[in-house]
Amino acid sequence: MQDADRTADQDSGKDTAQTHAAEMDRLLADVVALAASRKRPMRPVTVLIDGPSGAGKTWASAALAERTGWRVVHLDEFYPGWHGLQEGSEMVSEQVLRENNPGYWRWDWDANAPKDWASLDERDDLIVEGVGSVTEATVAAAKERGSVVTVRIDGPREKRRERALERDPGYEEWFETWERQEKEHFAERAVEADLTWEWN
């Protein structure tokens, strides 16, 4: 590759990163504004962030938590194994967002078995992120505890895959197994989100 071509690619990469950062900033501002408009007195806010692997849900939830101080719950902590997307999704409404003794059993990915119980405070504002987090049941459970804002993030499949494997190289052998479950979730159980961001 010529130096000029390399420089052009680097500049393009910087432009893309800057564009994504600006779009993310706008998304987070919209989340905060919508959460404020829906806030019920003395009741917590729940932000549910859905989207396929590598879309940027973890990045978005970390940035939102930094901005707001709200606690983050990652579905990756409790999916019961590589075939457990639907069960993990159900755990959001049945355990994480329930009114009494909310929390979840962490999953030991090495032992392929449940680990310790992570307790949550029913009064905490929460950001719940992971594939399967926005369904009719999770939205209903979030409304029971207070107010809710739902978000869906997506991007091109190959770019998402690259990002996901960069974060966890061991995920490669499971990517398509998980992807099939994602497609089923979005086709059959996911509901439309309040806010969406699809990056290129």
C-alpha atoms as a PDB file:
ATOM      1  CA  MET A   1       0.000   0.000   0.000  1.00  0.00           C
ATOM      2  CA  GLN A   2       1.253   3.476  -0.800  1.00  0.00           C
ATOM      3  CA  ASP A   3       1.859   5.877   2.083  1.00  0.00           C
ATOM      4  CA  ALA A   4      -0.867   8.167   0.790  1.00  0.00           C
ATOM      5  CA  ASP A   5      -3.361   5.286   0.803  1.00  0.00           C
ATOM      6  CA  ARG A   6      -2.344   4.314   4.331  1.00  0.00           C
ATOM      7  CA  THR A   7      -2.775   7.896   5.535  1.00  0.00           C
ATOM      8  CA  ALA A   8      -6.191   8.082   3.873  1.00  0.00           C
ATOM      9  CA  ASP A   9      -7.271   4.857   5.614  1.00  0.00           C
ATOM     10  CA  GLN A  10      -6.059   6.167   8.972  1.00  0.00           C
ATOM     11  CA  ASP A  11      -7.918   9.439   8.456  1.00  0.00           C
ATOM     12  CA  SER A  12     -11.043   7.512   7.482  1.00  0.00           C
ATOM     13  CA  GLY A  13     -10.748   5.404  10.634  1.00  0.00           C
ATOM     14  CA  LYS A  14     -10.428   8.524  12.782  1.00  0.00           C
ATOM     15  CA  ASP A  15     -13.448  10.093  11.080  1.00  0.00           C
ATOM     16  CA  THR A  16     -15.494   6.948  11.694  1.00  0.00           C
ATOM     17  CA  ALA A  17     -14.481   6.804  15.365  1.00  0.00           C
ATOM     18  CA  GLN A  18     -15.334  10.483  15.815  1.00  0.00           C
ATOM     19  CA  THR A  19     -18.687   9.997  14.109  1.00  0.00           C
ATOM     20  CA  HIS A  20     -19.497   6.997  16.321  1.00  0.00           C
ATOM     21  CA  ALA A  21     -18.509   8.931  19.440  1.00  0.00           C
ATOM     22  CA  ALA A  22     -20.742  11.848  18.460  1.00  0.00           C
ATOM     23  CA  GLU A  23     -23.658   9.536  17.666  1.00  0.00           C
ATOM     24  CA  MET A  24     -23.160   7.718  20.965  1.00  0.00           C
ATOM     25  CA  ASP A  25     -23.143  11.033  22.819  1.00  0.00           C
ATOM     26  CA  ARG A  26     -26.456  11.999  21.224  1.00  0.00           C
ATOM     27  CA  LEU A  27     -27.951   8.605  22.074  1.00  0.00           C
ATOM     28  CA  LEU A  28     -26.933   8.896  25.726  1.00  0.00           C
ATOM     29  CA  ALA A  29     -28.287  12.435  25.931  1.00  0.00           C
ATOM     30  CA  ASP A  30     -31.606  11.160  24.531  1.00  0.00           C
ATOM     31  CA  VAL A  31     -31.668   8.310  27.066  1.00  0.00           C
ATOM     32  CA  VAL A  32     -31.072  10.665  29.983  1.00  0.00           C
ATOM     33  CA  ALA A  33     -33.686  13.137  28.740  1.00  0.00           C
ATOM     34  CA  LEU A  34     -36.307  10.429  28.174  1.00  0.00           C
ATOM     35  CA  ALA A  35     -35.572   8.857  31.568  1.00  0.00           C
ATOM     36  CA  ALA A  36     -36.014  12.258  33.239  1.00  0.00           C
ATOM     37  CA  SER A  37     -39.336  12.841  31.467  1.00  0.00           C
ATOM     38  CA  ARG A  38     -40.659   9.454  32.604  1.00  0.00           C
ATOM     39  CA  LYS A  39     -39.270   9.479  36.148  1.00  0.00           C
ATOM     40  CA  ARG A  40     -41.858   8.620  38.782  1.00  0.00           C
ATOM     41  CA  PRO A  41     -41.453  10.083  42.296  1.00  0.00           C
ATOM     42  CA  MET A  42     -39.529   7.794  44.651  1.00  0.00           C
ATOM     43  CA  ARG A  43     -39.351   5.028  42.026  1.00  0.00           C
ATOM     44  CA  PRO A  44     -36.268   3.862  40.109  1.00  0.00           C
ATOM     45  CA  VAL A  45     -35.495   4.145  36.421  1.00  0.00           C
ATOM     46  CA  THR A  46     -34.529   1.067  34.389  1.00  0.00           C
ATOM     47  CA  VAL A  47     -32.723   1.399  31.063  1.00  0.00           C
ATOM     48  CA  LEU A  48     -32.777  -1.782  28.970  1.00  0.00           C
ATOM     49  CA  ILE A  49     -30.136  -1.964  26.205  1.00  0.00           C
ATOM     50  CA  ASP A  50     -30.518  -4.706  23.599  1.00  0.00           C
ATOM     51  CA  GLY A  51     -28.678  -5.550  20.395  1.00  0.00           C
ATOM     52  CA  PRO A  52     -26.589  -8.345  18.848  1.00  0.00           C
ATOM     53  CA  SER A  53     -23.016  -9.276  19.777  1.00  0.00           C
ATOM     54  CA  GLY A  54     -20.397  -6.621  19.144  1.00  0.00           C
ATOM     55  CA  ALA A  55     -22.929  -3.830  18.646  1.00  0.00           C
ATOM     56  CA  GLY A  56     -21.562  -1.696  21.492  1.00  0.00           C
ATOM     57  CA  LYS A  57     -24.020  -2.378  24.315  1.00  0.00           C
ATOM     58  CA  THR A  58     -21.282  -2.704  26.942  1.00  0.00           C
ATOM     59  CA  TRP A  59     -19.589   0.472  25.735  1.00  0.00           C
ATOM     60  CA  ALA A  60     -22.904   2.357  25.811  1.00  0.00           C
ATOM     61  CA  SER A  61     -23.856   1.077  29.264  1.00  0.00           C
ATOM     62  CA  ALA A  62     -20.443   2.015  30.702  1.00  0.00           C
ATOM     63  CA  ALA A  63     -20.666   5.503  29.213  1.00  0.00           C
ATOM     64  CA  LEU A  64     -24.227   5.940  30.485  1.00  0.00           C
ATOM     65  CA  ALA A  65     -23.241   4.739  33.967  1.00  0.00           C
ATOM     66  CA  GLU A  66     -20.344   7.190  34.025  1.00  0.00           C
ATOM     67  CA  ARG A  67     -22.726   9.981  33.101  1.00  0.00           C
ATOM     68  CA  THR A  68     -25.499   9.070  35.539  1.00  0.00           C
ATOM     69  CA  GLY A  69     -24.026   6.941  38.335  1.00  0.00           C
ATOM     70  CA  TRP A  70     -26.613   4.228  37.685  1.00  0.00           C
ATOM     71  CA  ARG A  71     -25.731   0.598  38.339  1.00  0.00           C
ATOM     72  CA  VAL A  72     -25.035  -1.676  35.365  1.00  0.00           C
ATOM     73  CA  VAL A  73     -26.170  -5.292  35.091  1.00  0.00           C
ATOM     74  CA  HIS A  74     -24.641  -7.359  32.252  1.00  0.00           C
ATOM     75  CA  LEU A  75     -26.567 -10.369  30.976  1.00  0.00           C
ATOM     76  CA  ASP A  76     -23.159 -11.906  30.171  1.00  0.00           C
ATOM     77  CA  GLU A  77     -22.823 -12.468  33.920  1.00  0.00           C
ATOM     78  CA  PHE A  78     -25.775 -14.849  34.083  1.00  0.00           C
ATOM     79  CA  TYR A  79     -26.643 -16.384  30.696  1.00  0.00           C
ATOM     80  CA  PRO A  80     -26.621 -20.099  31.555  1.00  0.00           C
ATOM     81  CA  GLY A  81     -24.105 -21.127  28.913  1.00  0.00           C
ATOM     82  CA  TRP A  82     -23.791 -20.794  25.145  1.00  0.00           C
ATOM     83  CA  HIS A  83     -27.327 -22.061  24.502  1.00  0.00           C
ATOM     84  CA  GLY A  84     -28.928 -19.934  27.202  1.00  0.00           C
ATOM     85  CA  LEU A  85     -29.918 -16.661  25.536  1.00  0.00           C
ATOM     86  CA  GLN A  86     -33.664 -17.104  26.012  1.00  0.00           C
ATOM     87  CA  GLU A  87     -33.280 -18.339  29.588  1.00  0.00           C
ATOM     88  CA  GLY A  88     -31.016 -15.384  30.389  1.00  0.00           C
ATOM     89  CA  SER A  89     -33.602 -13.041  28.900  1.00  0.00           C
ATOM     90  CA  GLU A  90     -36.297 -14.560  31.107  1.00  0.00           C
ATOM     91  CA  MET A  91     -34.080 -14.112  34.168  1.00  0.00           C
ATOM     92  CA  VAL A  92     -34.165 -10.339  33.614  1.00  0.00           C
ATOM     93  CA  SER A  93     -37.885 -10.156  34.345  1.00  0.00           C
ATOM     94  CA  GLU A  94     -38.050 -13.059  36.785  1.00  0.00           C
ATOM     95  CA  GLN A  95     -35.009 -12.234  38.953  1.00  0.00           C
ATOM     96  CA  VAL A  96     -33.179  -9.008  38.106  1.00  0.00           C
ATOM     97  CA  LEU A  97     -36.230  -6.725  38.019  1.00  0.00           C
ATOM     98  CA  ARG A  98     -38.506  -8.418  40.525  1.00  0.00           C
ATOM     99  CA  GLU A  99     -39.722  -6.410  43.485  1.00  0.00           C
ATOM    100  CA  ASN A 100     -38.622  -8.772  46.255  1.00  0.00           C
ATOM    101  CA  ASN A 101     -35.002  -9.923  46.588  1.00  0.00           C
ATOM    102  CA  PRO A 102     -33.879  -8.878  43.090  1.00  0.00           C
ATOM    103  CA  GLY A 103     -30.594 -10.214  41.764  1.00  0.00           C
ATOM    104  CA  TYR A 104     -29.181 -13.096  39.743  1.00  0.00           C
ATOM    105  CA  TRP A 105     -27.024 -16.185  39.951  1.00  0.00           C
ATOM    106  CA  ARG A 106     -23.716 -15.462  38.245  1.00  0.00           C
ATOM    107  CA  TRP A 107     -22.697 -18.080  35.699  1.00  0.00           C
ATOM    108  CA  ASP A 108     -19.314 -19.788  35.895  1.00  0.00           C
ATOM    109  CA  TRP A 109     -18.387 -20.114  32.222  1.00  0.00           C
ATOM    110  CA  ASP A 110     -15.388 -22.358  32.994  1.00  0.00           C
ATOM    111  CA  ALA A 111     -17.321 -24.800  35.169  1.00  0.00           C
ATOM    112  CA  ASN A 112     -20.504 -24.413  33.064  1.00  0.00           C
ATOM    113  CA  ALA A 113     -22.554 -24.085  36.238  1.00  0.00           C
ATOM    114  CA  PRO A 114     -24.198 -21.433  38.445  1.00  0.00           C
ATOM    115  CA  LYS A 115     -21.883 -19.598  40.807  1.00  0.00           C
ATOM    116  CA  ASP A 116     -22.673 -17.013  43.489  1.00  0.00           C
ATOM    117  CA  TRP A 117     -25.787 -14.894  43.976  1.00  0.00           C
ATOM    118  CA  ALA A 118     -25.483 -11.181  43.133  1.00  0.00           C
ATOM    119  CA  SER A 119     -27.970  -9.111  45.104  1.00  0.00           C
ATOM    120  CA  LEU A 120     -29.528  -5.926  43.774  1.00  0.00           C
ATOM    121  CA  ASP A 121     -31.344  -3.131  45.575  1.00  0.00           C
ATOM    122  CA  GLU A 122     -34.912  -2.667  44.367  1.00  0.00           C
ATOM    123  CA  ARG A 123     -34.481   1.098  44.827  1.00  0.00           C
ATOM    124  CA  ASP A 124     -31.487   1.407  42.472  1.00  0.00           C
ATOM    125  CA  ASP A 125     -31.660   2.997  39.055  1.00  0.00           C
ATOM    126  CA  LEU A 126     -30.418   0.267  36.712  1.00  0.00           C
ATOM    127  CA  ILE A 127     -28.904  -0.136  33.267  1.00  0.00           C
ATOM    128  CA  VAL A 128     -29.503  -3.699  32.075  1.00  0.00           C
ATOM    129  CA  GLU A 129     -27.552  -4.583  28.933  1.00  0.00           C
ATOM    130  CA  GLY A 130     -27.370  -7.703  26.830  1.00  0.00           C
ATOM    131  CA  VAL A 131     -29.029  -9.569  24.002  1.00  0.00           C
ATOM    132  CA  GLY A 132     -32.540 -10.415  25.152  1.00  0.00           C
ATOM    133  CA  SER A 133     -32.995  -7.470  27.493  1.00  0.00           C
ATOM    134  CA  VAL A 134     -35.893  -5.822  25.636  1.00  0.00           C
ATOM    135  CA  THR A 135     -38.970  -8.049  25.556  1.00  0.00           C
ATOM    136  CA  GLU A 136     -42.586  -7.596  26.536  1.00  0.00           C
ATOM    137  CA  ALA A 137     -41.876  -9.318  29.868  1.00  0.00           C
ATOM    138  CA  THR A 138     -38.778  -7.257  30.746  1.00  0.00           C
ATOM    139  CA  VAL A 139     -40.483  -3.982  29.876  1.00  0.00           C
ATOM    140  CA  ALA A 140     -43.485  -4.925  32.019  1.00  0.00           C
ATOM    141  CA  ALA A 141     -41.230  -5.867  34.954  1.00  0.00           C
ATOM    142  CA  ALA A 142     -39.300  -2.605  34.630  1.00  0.00           C
ATOM    143  CA  LYS A 143     -42.547  -0.623  34.645  1.00  0.00           C
ATOM    144  CA  GLU A 144     -43.640  -2.437  37.792  1.00  0.00           C
ATOM    145  CA  ARG A 145     -40.555  -1.190  39.646  1.00  0.00           C
ATOM    146  CA  GLY A 146     -40.681   2.351  38.221  1.00  0.00           C
ATOM    147  CA  SER A 147     -40.104   3.815  34.774  1.00  0.00           C
ATOM    148  CA  VAL A 148     -38.306   2.337  31.769  1.00  0.00           C
ATOM    149  CA  VAL A 149     -36.380   3.424  28.683  1.00  0.00           C
ATOM    150  CA  THR A 150     -35.540   0.848  26.032  1.00  0.00           C
ATOM    151  CA  VAL A 151     -32.617   1.052  23.600  1.00  0.00           C
ATOM    152  CA  ARG A 152     -31.470  -1.082  20.679  1.00  0.00           C
ATOM    153  CA  ILE A 153     -27.983  -0.805  19.168  1.00  0.00           C
ATOM    154  CA  ASP A 154     -26.864  -2.538  15.980  1.00  0.00           C
ATOM    155  CA  GLY A 155     -24.189  -2.414  13.287  1.00  0.00           C
ATOM    156  CA  PRO A 156     -22.881  -4.365  10.274  1.00  0.00           C
ATOM    157  CA  ARG A 157     -22.513  -8.077  10.986  1.00  0.00           C
ATOM    158  CA  GLU A 158     -18.847  -8.454  10.010  1.00  0.00           C
ATOM    159  CA  LYS A 159     -17.777  -5.354  11.950  1.00  0.00           C
ATOM    160  CA  ARG A 160     -19.702  -6.571  14.982  1.00  0.00           C
ATOM    161  CA  ARG A 161     -18.114  -9.999  14.706  1.00  0.00           C
ATOM    162  CA  GLU A 162     -14.651  -8.472  14.492  1.00  0.00           C
ATOM    163  CA  ARG A 163     -15.286  -6.360  17.587  1.00  0.00           C
ATOM    164  CA  ALA A 164     -16.714  -9.292  19.545  1.00  0.00           C
ATOM    165  CA  LEU A 165     -13.771 -11.579  18.741  1.00  0.00           C
ATOM    166  CA  GLU A 166     -11.256  -8.865  19.509  1.00  0.00           C
ATOM    167  CA  ARG A 167     -12.747  -8.646  22.983  1.00  0.00           C
ATOM    168  CA  ASP A 168     -12.986 -12.431  23.434  1.00  0.00           C
ATOM    169  CA  PRO A 169     -11.045 -14.630  20.947  1.00  0.00           C
ATOM    170  CA  GLY A 170     -12.540 -17.767  22.527  1.00  0.00           C
ATOM    171  CA  TYR A 171     -15.973 -16.648  21.324  1.00  0.00           C
ATOM    172  CA  GLU A 172     -15.142 -17.554  17.714  1.00  0.00           C
ATOM    173  CA  GLU A 173     -16.267 -21.182  17.946  1.00  0.00           C
ATOM    174  CA  TRP A 174     -19.569 -20.080  19.497  1.00  0.00           C
ATOM    175  CA  PHE A 175     -20.332 -16.984  17.441  1.00  0.00           C
ATOM    176  CA  GLU A 176     -22.728 -18.640  14.983  1.00  0.00           C
ATOM    177  CA  THR A 177     -24.422 -20.689  17.720  1.00  0.00           C
ATOM    178  CA  TRP A 178     -25.129 -17.494  19.595  1.00  0.00           C
ATOM    179  CA  GLU A 179     -26.057 -15.622  16.416  1.00  0.00           C
ATOM    180  CA  ARG A 180     -28.823 -18.139  15.663  1.00  0.00           C
ATOM    181  CA  GLN A 181     -30.313 -17.454  19.087  1.00  0.00           C
ATOM    182  CA  GLU A 182     -30.016 -13.704  18.527  1.00  0.00           C
ATOM    183  CA  LYS A 183     -31.933 -13.963  15.247  1.00  0.00           C
ATOM    184  CA  GLU A 184     -34.667 -15.970  16.965  1.00  0.00           C
ATOM    185  CA  HIS A 185     -34.883 -13.416  19.766  1.00  0.00           C
ATOM    186  CA  PHE A 186     -35.203 -10.426  17.446  1.00  0.00           C
ATOM    187  CA  ALA A 187     -37.687 -12.214  15.188  1.00  0.00           C
ATOM    188  CA  GLU A 188     -39.938 -13.650  17.893  1.00  0.00           C
ATOM    189  CA  ARG A 189     -39.525 -12.012  21.299  1.00  0.00           C
ATOM    190  CA  ALA A 190     -37.926  -8.575  21.047  1.00  0.00           C
ATOM    191  CA  VAL A 191     -40.205  -5.545  21.093  1.00  0.00           C
ATOM    192  CA  GLU A 192     -39.595  -2.187  19.483  1.00  0.00           C
ATOM    193  CA  ALA A 193     -37.230   0.032  21.466  1.00  0.00           C
ATOM    194  CA  ASP A 194     -37.817   3.679  22.383  1.00  0.00           C
ATOM    195  CA  LEU A 195     -34.435   4.656  20.971  1.00  0.00           C
ATOM    196  CA  THR A 196     -32.347   2.964  18.297  1.00  0.00           C
ATOM    197  CA  TRP A 197     -28.849   3.497  16.981  1.00  0.00           C
ATOM    198  CA  GLU A 198     -27.542   1.608  13.964  1.00  0.00           C
ATOM    199  CA  TRP A 199     -23.952   2.526  13.166  1.00  0.00           C
ATOM    200  CA  ASN A 200     -22.039   1.821   9.959  1.00  0.00           C
END
